[in-house]
């Protein structure tokens, strides 16, 4: 899914610009360049309170919201479209990039 902040295996962070099968095109912030890599070489950046997020697992996968609070391993997310509050596991969320449109 594009727009997700991800950490590449070498410790750099960037955001996913596009996905084609198992290959993702990632913009590396530190090097200011695009990079292609396999999806298994990345992991999502864990969001912090107030970050825009995308759900990356389960039946709500792809939905966006804002992480309004964290309680241990759970995140309280305010859904963008419905404005409902949802309690989701933090590992089911990824930080959305400011570059996401």
C-alpha atoms as a PDB file:
ATOM      1  CA  UNK A   1       0.000   0.000   0.000  1.00  0.00           C
ATOM      2  CA  UNK A   2       1.529   3.324  -0.988  1.00  0.00           C
ATOM      3  CA  UNK A   3       2.086   6.153   1.457  1.00  0.00           C
ATOM      4  CA  UNK A   4       3.151   3.940   4.353  1.00  0.00           C
ATOM      5  CA  UNK A   5       6.302   4.859   6.230  1.00  0.00           C
ATOM      6  CA  UNK A   6       8.612   1.849   6.283  1.00  0.00           C
ATOM      7  CA  UNK A   7      12.012   0.962   7.656  1.00  0.00           C
ATOM      8  CA  UNK A   8      14.342  -0.755   5.228  1.00  0.00           C
ATOM      9  CA  UNK A   9      16.556  -3.585   6.494  1.00  0.00           C
ATOM     10  CA  UNK A  10      19.620  -1.320   6.649  1.00  0.00           C
ATOM     11  CA  UNK A  11      18.000   0.925   9.253  1.00  0.00           C
ATOM     12  CA  UNK A  12      16.814   3.677   6.915  1.00  0.00           C
ATOM     13  CA  UNK A  13      13.284   4.969   6.812  1.00  0.00           C
ATOM     14  CA  UNK A  14      11.273   6.101   3.864  1.00  0.00           C
ATOM     15  CA  UNK A  15       7.799   5.911   2.468  1.00  0.00           C
ATOM     16  CA  UNK A  16       6.361   3.439   0.024  1.00  0.00           C
ATOM     17  CA  UNK A  17       5.609   5.185  -3.270  1.00  0.00           C
ATOM     18  CA  UNK A  18       4.247   2.170  -5.122  1.00  0.00           C
ATOM     19  CA  UNK A  19       3.878  -1.595  -4.951  1.00  0.00           C
ATOM     20  CA  UNK A  20       4.044  -3.995  -7.890  1.00  0.00           C
ATOM     21  CA  UNK A  21       3.722  -7.608  -6.781  1.00  0.00           C
ATOM     22  CA  UNK A  22       6.475  -8.363  -4.254  1.00  0.00           C
ATOM     23  CA  UNK A  23       8.498  -5.243  -5.198  1.00  0.00           C
ATOM     24  CA  UNK A  24       8.017  -1.864  -3.528  1.00  0.00           C
ATOM     25  CA  UNK A  25       9.406   1.467  -4.672  1.00  0.00           C
ATOM     26  CA  UNK A  26      10.466   3.376  -1.567  1.00  0.00           C
ATOM     27  CA  UNK A  27      11.655   6.973  -1.164  1.00  0.00           C
ATOM     28  CA  UNK A  28      14.590   6.906   1.279  1.00  0.00           C
ATOM     29  CA  UNK A  29      14.530  10.076   3.378  1.00  0.00           C
ATOM     30  CA  UNK A  30      18.205  10.044   4.366  1.00  0.00           C
ATOM     31  CA  UNK A  31      19.568   9.476   0.846  1.00  0.00           C
ATOM     32  CA  UNK A  32      16.816  11.476  -0.882  1.00  0.00           C
ATOM     33  CA  UNK A  33      16.363   8.874  -3.597  1.00  0.00           C
ATOM     34  CA  UNK A  34      14.048   6.116  -4.772  1.00  0.00           C
ATOM     35  CA  UNK A  35      14.927   2.524  -4.054  1.00  0.00           C
ATOM     36  CA  UNK A  36      13.311  -0.750  -5.109  1.00  0.00           C
ATOM     37  CA  UNK A  37      13.196  -3.630  -2.663  1.00  0.00           C
ATOM     38  CA  UNK A  38      11.260  -6.739  -1.771  1.00  0.00           C
ATOM     39  CA  UNK A  39       8.431  -6.263   0.704  1.00  0.00           C
ATOM     40  CA  UNK A  40      10.000  -8.733   3.169  1.00  0.00           C
ATOM     41  CA  UNK A  41      13.019  -6.408   3.475  1.00  0.00           C
ATOM     42  CA  UNK A  42      10.906  -3.712   5.137  1.00  0.00           C
ATOM     43  CA  UNK A  43       8.828  -3.294   8.227  1.00  0.00           C
ATOM     44  CA  UNK A  44       6.182  -0.662   8.942  1.00  0.00           C
ATOM     45  CA  UNK A  45       7.116   2.296  11.127  1.00  0.00           C
ATOM     46  CA  UNK A  46       5.220   1.999  14.409  1.00  0.00           C
ATOM     47  CA  UNK A  47       2.990   5.049  14.755  1.00  0.00           C
ATOM     48  CA  UNK A  48       3.024   7.449  17.681  1.00  0.00           C
ATOM     49  CA  UNK A  49       0.141   9.292  19.285  1.00  0.00           C
ATOM     50  CA  UNK A  50      -1.499  11.772  16.853  1.00  0.00           C
ATOM     51  CA  UNK A  51       0.040  10.136  13.751  1.00  0.00           C
ATOM     52  CA  UNK A  52      -2.087   9.460  10.686  1.00  0.00           C
ATOM     53  CA  UNK A  53      -2.285   5.678  10.308  1.00  0.00           C
ATOM     54  CA  UNK A  54      -3.429   2.961   7.947  1.00  0.00           C
ATOM     55  CA  UNK A  55      -4.691  -0.435   9.082  1.00  0.00           C
ATOM     56  CA  UNK A  56      -2.445  -3.098   7.530  1.00  0.00           C
ATOM     57  CA  UNK A  57      -4.136  -6.330   8.682  1.00  0.00           C
ATOM     58  CA  UNK A  58      -7.613  -7.765   9.072  1.00  0.00           C
ATOM     59  CA  UNK A  59     -10.959  -6.921   7.504  1.00  0.00           C
ATOM     60  CA  UNK A  60     -10.408  -3.152   7.896  1.00  0.00           C
ATOM     61  CA  UNK A  61      -7.093  -3.290   6.020  1.00  0.00           C
ATOM     62  CA  UNK A  62      -6.502  -0.131   4.002  1.00  0.00           C
ATOM     63  CA  UNK A  63      -8.710   2.099   6.164  1.00  0.00           C
ATOM     64  CA  UNK A  64      -7.158   5.326   7.442  1.00  0.00           C
ATOM     65  CA  UNK A  65      -7.473   7.204  10.697  1.00  0.00           C
ATOM     66  CA  UNK A  66      -5.609   9.047  13.418  1.00  0.00           C
ATOM     67  CA  UNK A  67      -3.989   7.358  16.408  1.00  0.00           C
ATOM     68  CA  UNK A  68      -5.419   9.327  19.304  1.00  0.00           C
ATOM     69  CA  UNK A  69      -4.047   7.261  22.176  1.00  0.00           C
ATOM     70  CA  UNK A  70      -1.936   4.213  23.020  1.00  0.00           C
ATOM     71  CA  UNK A  71      -2.745   1.708  25.770  1.00  0.00           C
ATOM     72  CA  UNK A  72      -0.014  -0.939  26.109  1.00  0.00           C
ATOM     73  CA  UNK A  73      -0.188  -2.940  22.835  1.00  0.00           C
ATOM     74  CA  UNK A  74      -3.426  -1.306  21.691  1.00  0.00           C
ATOM     75  CA  UNK A  75      -4.001   1.850  19.719  1.00  0.00           C
ATOM     76  CA  UNK A  76      -7.165   3.905  19.842  1.00  0.00           C
ATOM     77  CA  UNK A  77      -7.859   5.069  16.304  1.00  0.00           C
ATOM     78  CA  UNK A  78     -10.379   7.653  15.135  1.00  0.00           C
ATOM     79  CA  UNK A  79     -11.506   6.483  11.679  1.00  0.00           C
ATOM     80  CA  UNK A  80     -11.251   9.102   8.911  1.00  0.00           C
ATOM     81  CA  UNK A  81     -14.571   8.396   7.186  1.00  0.00           C
ATOM     82  CA  UNK A  82     -16.930   7.301   9.972  1.00  0.00           C
ATOM     83  CA  UNK A  83     -15.183   9.147  12.835  1.00  0.00           C
ATOM     84  CA  UNK A  84     -15.746   5.998  14.932  1.00  0.00           C
ATOM     85  CA  UNK A  85     -13.243   5.137  17.637  1.00  0.00           C
ATOM     86  CA  UNK A  86     -11.652   1.722  17.224  1.00  0.00           C
ATOM     87  CA  UNK A  87      -9.298  -0.181  19.498  1.00  0.00           C
ATOM     88  CA  UNK A  88      -6.747  -2.040  17.391  1.00  0.00           C
ATOM     89  CA  UNK A  89      -3.462  -3.810  18.072  1.00  0.00           C
ATOM     90  CA  UNK A  90      -0.526  -1.466  17.387  1.00  0.00           C
ATOM     91  CA  UNK A  91       1.110  -4.088  15.180  1.00  0.00           C
ATOM     92  CA  UNK A  92      -1.921  -3.883  12.858  1.00  0.00           C
ATOM     93  CA  UNK A  93      -1.193  -0.189  12.201  1.00  0.00           C
ATOM     94  CA  UNK A  94       1.421   1.643  10.157  1.00  0.00           C
ATOM     95  CA  UNK A  95       2.299   5.323  10.139  1.00  0.00           C
ATOM     96  CA  UNK A  96       1.098   7.095   7.028  1.00  0.00           C
ATOM     97  CA  UNK A  97       3.576   9.401   5.364  1.00  0.00           C
ATOM     98  CA  UNK A  98       2.936  13.123   5.150  1.00  0.00           C
ATOM     99  CA  UNK A  99       3.500  12.551   1.410  1.00  0.00           C
ATOM    100  CA  UNK A 100       0.423  10.304   1.176  1.00  0.00           C
ATOM    101  CA  UNK A 101      -2.304  11.753  -1.022  1.00  0.00           C
END
